[in-house]
Amino acid sequence: MNDRTVRRADAPGGSAGGPAAGPFGEKGPAGRPASGPASRRPATPPASADTELAVDIRTLLERGAVDEARDRFAELVSKHQRRALRIAYQYLRDAADADEAVQDAFLKVFAHIGSYREAWPFEVWFTRILINGCLDRRKARARRERWFSSSEDTRPDEARSAFGGATPLDPEARLLARERRAKLASAIDRLDGRQRTVFMLCHYGDCTPREVSAITGLNESTVRVHLFRAARKLRGLLGGKP
């Protein structure tokens, strides 16, 4: 995967008015030059409930009401934690690392929420922070692996613990499920960077093509093309008809 990250001067995730570039270097909607008269620009969609909540938290912190801001922030954590774990796990493939990455992302969001601007949807801002953190962890892991070799090649049933799902009682069914997950993970790893990112955000992050466009900076139609090609390639890799 292309491991270039998105940074901003005052908070992780882009410039103060919205991220400046996506994971692939493209300008996001806030960074694209306007095409045509201002009257032709699409109307700004209404702010989501999460965006409004993030603004409320920012206002509370500006007033010094830290305890109340933390209580309200817990609502955001509750709404986004499960989805964030799915995304982080697909990047890191380790339940403990994914959990730490999610916690770090929430801490960064709370620490930098004073720089958040509601023109950029909260879920997009948060997802960019999360992905940047996951990419940083992947780089750190790669550096460690260049110097140290693991003496243990077995892994626990990470997907179950990451997602909080129930474990089948039948050992054979559990083994087959683990093999299917491993086969799918291996196939996803063989996608190119853009296809893999788009596929993971849509299928594990529950993002719409429009949200993926905002996160990555890719045109929405390009996102749909990458998603179609990723699904077609995965079918071929998994033994289905391409």
Protein backbone atom coordinates (compact mmCIF):
# COMPACT_ATOMS: atom_id res chain seq x y z
CA MET A 1 0.00 0.00 0.00
CA ASN A 2 1.09 3.54 -0.64
CA ASP A 3 2.13 4.63 2.84
CA ARG A 4 2.25 8.38 2.28
CA THR A 5 0.29 10.02 5.06
CA VAL A 6 -1.81 13.14 5.29
CA ARG A 7 -0.60 15.81 7.68
CA ARG A 8 -1.75 19.21 8.82
CA ALA A 9 0.10 21.93 10.62
CA ASP A 10 -2.12 22.18 13.68
CA ALA A 11 -3.64 18.69 13.88
CA PRO A 12 -3.27 15.28 12.24
CA GLY A 13 -5.40 15.04 9.13
CA GLY A 14 -5.00 18.08 6.86
CA SER A 15 -5.08 21.87 6.88
CA ALA A 16 -7.24 23.94 9.20
CA GLY A 17 -9.95 24.33 6.58
CA GLY A 18 -9.86 20.67 5.56
CA PRO A 19 -7.23 18.11 4.58
CA ALA A 20 -4.89 19.34 1.89
CA ALA A 21 -4.24 16.02 0.18
CA GLY A 22 -5.38 12.44 0.26
CA PRO A 23 -3.28 9.33 0.93
CA PHE A 24 -2.32 9.37 -2.74
CA GLY A 25 -1.42 13.07 -2.91
CA GLU A 26 -4.62 14.24 -4.59
CA LYS A 27 -6.33 17.39 -3.42
CA GLY A 28 -9.52 16.84 -1.53
CA PRO A 29 -12.78 18.66 -2.21
CA ALA A 30 -11.65 21.60 -0.10
CA GLY A 31 -8.38 21.77 -2.02
CA ARG A 32 -9.74 21.60 -5.57
CA PRO A 33 -9.90 24.79 -7.58
CA ALA A 34 -13.44 25.89 -8.35
CA SER A 35 -14.68 25.10 -11.83
CA GLY A 36 -17.25 27.54 -13.19
CA PRO A 37 -19.14 30.35 -11.49
CA ALA A 38 -19.81 30.21 -7.80
CA SER A 39 -23.51 29.79 -8.54
CA ARG A 40 -22.77 26.40 -10.10
CA ARG A 41 -21.08 24.99 -7.03
CA PRO A 42 -23.09 22.28 -5.28
CA ALA A 43 -24.78 23.34 -2.07
CA THR A 44 -22.98 22.38 1.12
CA PRO A 45 -24.78 19.38 2.65
CA PRO A 46 -26.17 19.84 6.16
CA ALA A 47 -23.82 18.96 8.99
CA SER A 48 -24.15 15.45 10.36
CA ALA A 49 -25.08 14.81 13.99
CA ASP A 50 -21.48 13.78 14.67
CA THR A 51 -20.17 16.99 13.14
CA GLU A 52 -22.53 19.05 15.30
CA LEU A 53 -21.48 17.08 18.37
CA ALA A 54 -17.80 17.69 17.59
CA VAL A 55 -18.50 21.42 17.30
CA ASP A 56 -20.30 21.35 20.66
CA ILE A 57 -17.31 19.63 22.24
CA ARG A 58 -14.96 22.21 20.76
CA THR A 59 -17.14 25.01 22.16
CA LEU A 60 -17.24 23.40 25.61
CA LEU A 61 -13.46 23.15 25.67
CA GLU A 62 -13.15 26.78 24.62
CA ARG A 63 -15.35 27.68 27.60
CA GLY A 64 -13.23 25.57 29.94
CA ALA A 65 -15.98 22.98 30.57
CA VAL A 66 -13.54 20.07 30.24
CA ASP A 67 -15.54 17.49 32.21
CA GLU A 68 -18.68 18.12 30.19
CA ALA A 69 -16.67 18.02 26.95
CA ARG A 70 -15.26 14.62 27.94
CA ASP A 71 -18.75 13.29 28.64
CA ARG A 72 -19.95 14.44 25.21
CA PHE A 73 -16.82 13.06 23.56
CA ALA A 74 -17.61 9.65 25.02
CA GLU A 75 -20.70 9.71 22.78
CA LEU A 76 -18.50 10.09 19.70
CA VAL A 77 -16.25 7.27 20.87
CA SER A 78 -19.25 5.01 21.37
CA LYS A 79 -20.55 5.77 17.86
CA HIS A 80 -17.26 5.29 16.00
CA GLN A 81 -15.26 2.74 17.98
CA ARG A 82 -16.55 -0.44 16.37
CA ARG A 83 -16.19 0.91 12.83
CA ALA A 84 -12.73 2.28 13.66
CA LEU A 85 -11.63 -1.14 14.95
CA ARG A 86 -12.66 -2.78 11.68
CA ILE A 87 -10.65 -0.26 9.67
CA ALA A 88 -7.59 -0.43 11.93
CA TYR A 89 -7.58 -4.22 11.96
CA GLN A 90 -7.57 -4.39 8.18
CA TYR A 91 -4.50 -2.16 8.10
CA LEU A 92 -2.63 -3.79 10.98
CA ARG A 93 -3.96 -7.38 11.09
CA ASP A 94 -3.31 -7.50 14.82
CA ALA A 95 -6.07 -7.04 17.41
CA ALA A 96 -3.89 -5.41 20.05
CA ASP A 97 -2.27 -3.02 17.56
CA ALA A 98 -5.66 -2.14 16.11
CA ASP A 99 -7.06 -1.36 19.55
CA GLU A 100 -4.08 0.85 20.39
CA ALA A 101 -4.33 2.64 17.06
CA VAL A 102 -8.01 3.41 17.66
CA GLN A 103 -7.36 4.68 21.18
CA ASP A 104 -4.52 6.85 19.92
CA ALA A 105 -6.76 8.27 17.19
CA PHE A 106 -9.45 9.23 19.70
CA LEU A 107 -6.85 10.85 21.96
CA LYS A 108 -5.50 12.88 19.04
CA VAL A 109 -8.99 13.94 18.04
CA PHE A 110 -9.78 15.19 21.54
CA ALA A 111 -6.41 16.94 21.86
CA HIS A 112 -6.78 18.71 18.50
CA ILE A 113 -10.52 19.24 18.32
CA GLY A 114 -9.96 22.95 18.86
CA SER A 115 -8.62 23.10 15.30
CA TYR A 116 -11.53 21.13 13.83
CA ARG A 117 -13.64 22.98 11.24
CA GLU A 118 -17.19 21.82 10.66
CA ALA A 119 -16.95 22.41 6.91
CA TRP A 120 -15.19 19.04 6.88
CA PRO A 121 -17.41 16.14 8.11
CA PHE A 122 -16.23 14.80 11.45
CA GLU A 123 -16.25 11.17 10.31
CA VAL A 124 -13.95 12.05 7.38
CA TRP A 125 -11.59 14.02 9.64
CA PHE A 126 -11.49 11.22 12.21
CA THR A 127 -10.97 8.49 9.60
CA ARG A 128 -7.99 10.34 8.14
CA ILE A 129 -6.42 10.64 11.57
CA LEU A 130 -7.01 6.93 12.18
CA ILE A 131 -5.55 5.84 8.84
CA ASN A 132 -2.48 8.06 9.31
CA GLY A 133 -1.89 6.44 12.69
CA CYS A 134 -2.25 2.95 11.22
CA LEU A 135 0.22 3.75 8.44
CA ASP A 136 2.69 5.08 11.00
CA ARG A 137 2.39 1.83 12.93
CA ARG A 138 2.94 -0.20 9.77
CA LYS A 139 6.13 1.73 9.08
CA ALA A 140 7.35 1.28 12.66
CA ARG A 141 6.59 -2.44 12.48
CA ALA A 142 8.49 -2.78 9.20
CA ARG A 143 11.51 -1.07 10.76
CA ARG A 144 11.41 -3.42 13.74
CA GLU A 145 11.10 -6.47 11.52
CA ARG A 146 14.21 -5.47 9.62
CA TRP A 147 16.19 -5.84 12.82
CA PHE A 148 14.36 -8.53 14.72
CA SER A 149 12.96 -11.86 13.57
CA SER A 150 9.95 -13.23 15.34
CA SER A 151 10.42 -16.62 16.98
CA GLU A 152 6.68 -17.20 17.11
CA ASP A 153 4.67 -17.75 13.96
CA THR A 154 1.27 -18.40 15.47
CA ARG A 155 -1.43 -15.80 16.02
CA PRO A 156 -4.60 -15.84 18.13
CA ASP A 157 -8.04 -15.51 16.61
CA GLU A 158 -7.50 -11.78 16.16
CA ALA A 159 -10.53 -10.94 14.10
CA ARG A 160 -12.85 -12.35 16.77
CA SER A 161 -11.31 -10.33 19.60
CA ALA A 162 -11.08 -7.20 17.45
CA PHE A 163 -14.70 -7.22 16.41
CA GLY A 164 -16.22 -8.69 19.56
CA GLY A 165 -17.92 -11.49 17.65
CA ALA A 166 -18.89 -14.83 19.13
CA THR A 167 -16.61 -17.83 18.60
CA PRO A 168 -18.24 -20.90 17.07
CA LEU A 169 -18.31 -23.78 19.52
CA ASP A 170 -17.39 -26.27 16.81
CA PRO A 171 -13.57 -26.36 16.50
CA GLU A 172 -13.80 -27.41 12.85
CA ALA A 173 -16.10 -24.49 12.02
CA ARG A 174 -13.74 -22.13 13.85
CA LEU A 175 -10.78 -23.46 11.86
CA LEU A 176 -12.62 -23.08 8.55
CA ALA A 177 -13.67 -19.53 9.43
CA ARG A 178 -10.09 -18.64 10.31
CA GLU A 179 -8.85 -20.11 7.03
CA ARG A 180 -11.43 -18.09 5.08
CA ARG A 181 -10.36 -14.90 6.85
CA ALA A 182 -6.72 -15.62 6.16
CA LYS A 183 -7.44 -16.32 2.48
CA LEU A 184 -9.44 -13.11 2.12
CA ALA A 185 -6.75 -11.07 3.93
CA SER A 186 -4.09 -12.50 1.63
CA ALA A 187 -6.17 -11.64 -1.43
CA ILE A 188 -6.77 -8.07 -0.20
CA ASP A 189 -3.04 -7.65 0.31
CA ARG A 190 -2.52 -8.43 -3.38
CA LEU A 191 -4.66 -5.50 -4.49
CA ASP A 192 -2.82 -2.37 -5.52
CA GLY A 193 -2.72 0.52 -3.04
CA ARG A 194 -5.70 2.50 -4.27
CA GLN A 195 -7.95 -0.49 -4.83
CA ARG A 196 -7.15 -1.88 -1.40
CA THR A 197 -7.79 1.41 0.39
CA VAL A 198 -11.10 1.96 -1.42
CA PHE A 199 -12.23 -1.63 -0.80
CA MET A 200 -11.37 -1.55 2.91
CA LEU A 201 -13.05 1.80 3.53
CA CYS A 202 -16.23 0.69 1.74
CA HIS A 203 -16.50 -2.84 3.09
CA TYR A 204 -14.88 -2.56 6.51
CA GLY A 205 -15.33 1.13 7.22
CA ASP A 206 -18.94 1.29 5.99
CA CYS A 207 -18.04 4.36 3.91
CA THR A 208 -20.02 5.46 0.87
CA PRO A 209 -18.11 6.23 -2.35
CA ARG A 210 -18.66 9.94 -1.63
CA GLU A 211 -17.10 9.57 1.84
CA VAL A 212 -14.18 7.59 0.40
CA SER A 213 -13.72 10.39 -2.14
CA ALA A 214 -13.49 12.93 0.67
CA ILE A 215 -11.06 10.77 2.66
CA THR A 216 -8.72 9.90 -0.20
CA GLY A 217 -9.05 12.96 -2.44
CA LEU A 218 -10.01 10.73 -5.37
CA ASN A 219 -12.90 11.69 -7.64
CA GLU A 220 -16.09 9.83 -6.67
CA SER A 221 -16.35 8.18 -10.08
CA THR A 222 -12.73 7.04 -9.73
CA VAL A 223 -13.57 5.55 -6.34
CA ARG A 224 -16.37 3.53 -7.93
CA VAL A 225 -14.02 2.27 -10.66
CA HIS A 226 -11.43 1.18 -8.08
CA LEU A 227 -14.13 -0.54 -6.03
CA PHE A 228 -15.44 -2.43 -9.06
CA ARG A 229 -11.93 -3.49 -10.11
CA ALA A 230 -11.04 -4.54 -6.57
CA ALA A 231 -14.15 -6.72 -6.27
CA ARG A 232 -13.49 -8.29 -9.68
CA LYS A 233 -9.86 -9.04 -8.84
CA LEU A 234 -10.79 -10.50 -5.44
CA ARG A 235 -13.31 -12.83 -7.06
CA GLY A 236 -10.55 -14.08 -9.34
CA LEU A 237 -8.04 -14.48 -6.51
CA LEU A 238 -10.57 -16.33 -4.35
CA GLY A 239 -11.39 -18.82 -7.08
CA GLY A 240 -14.57 -17.24 -8.41
CA LYS A 241 -15.25 -15.90 -11.89
CA PRO A 242 -13.32 -12.62 -12.39
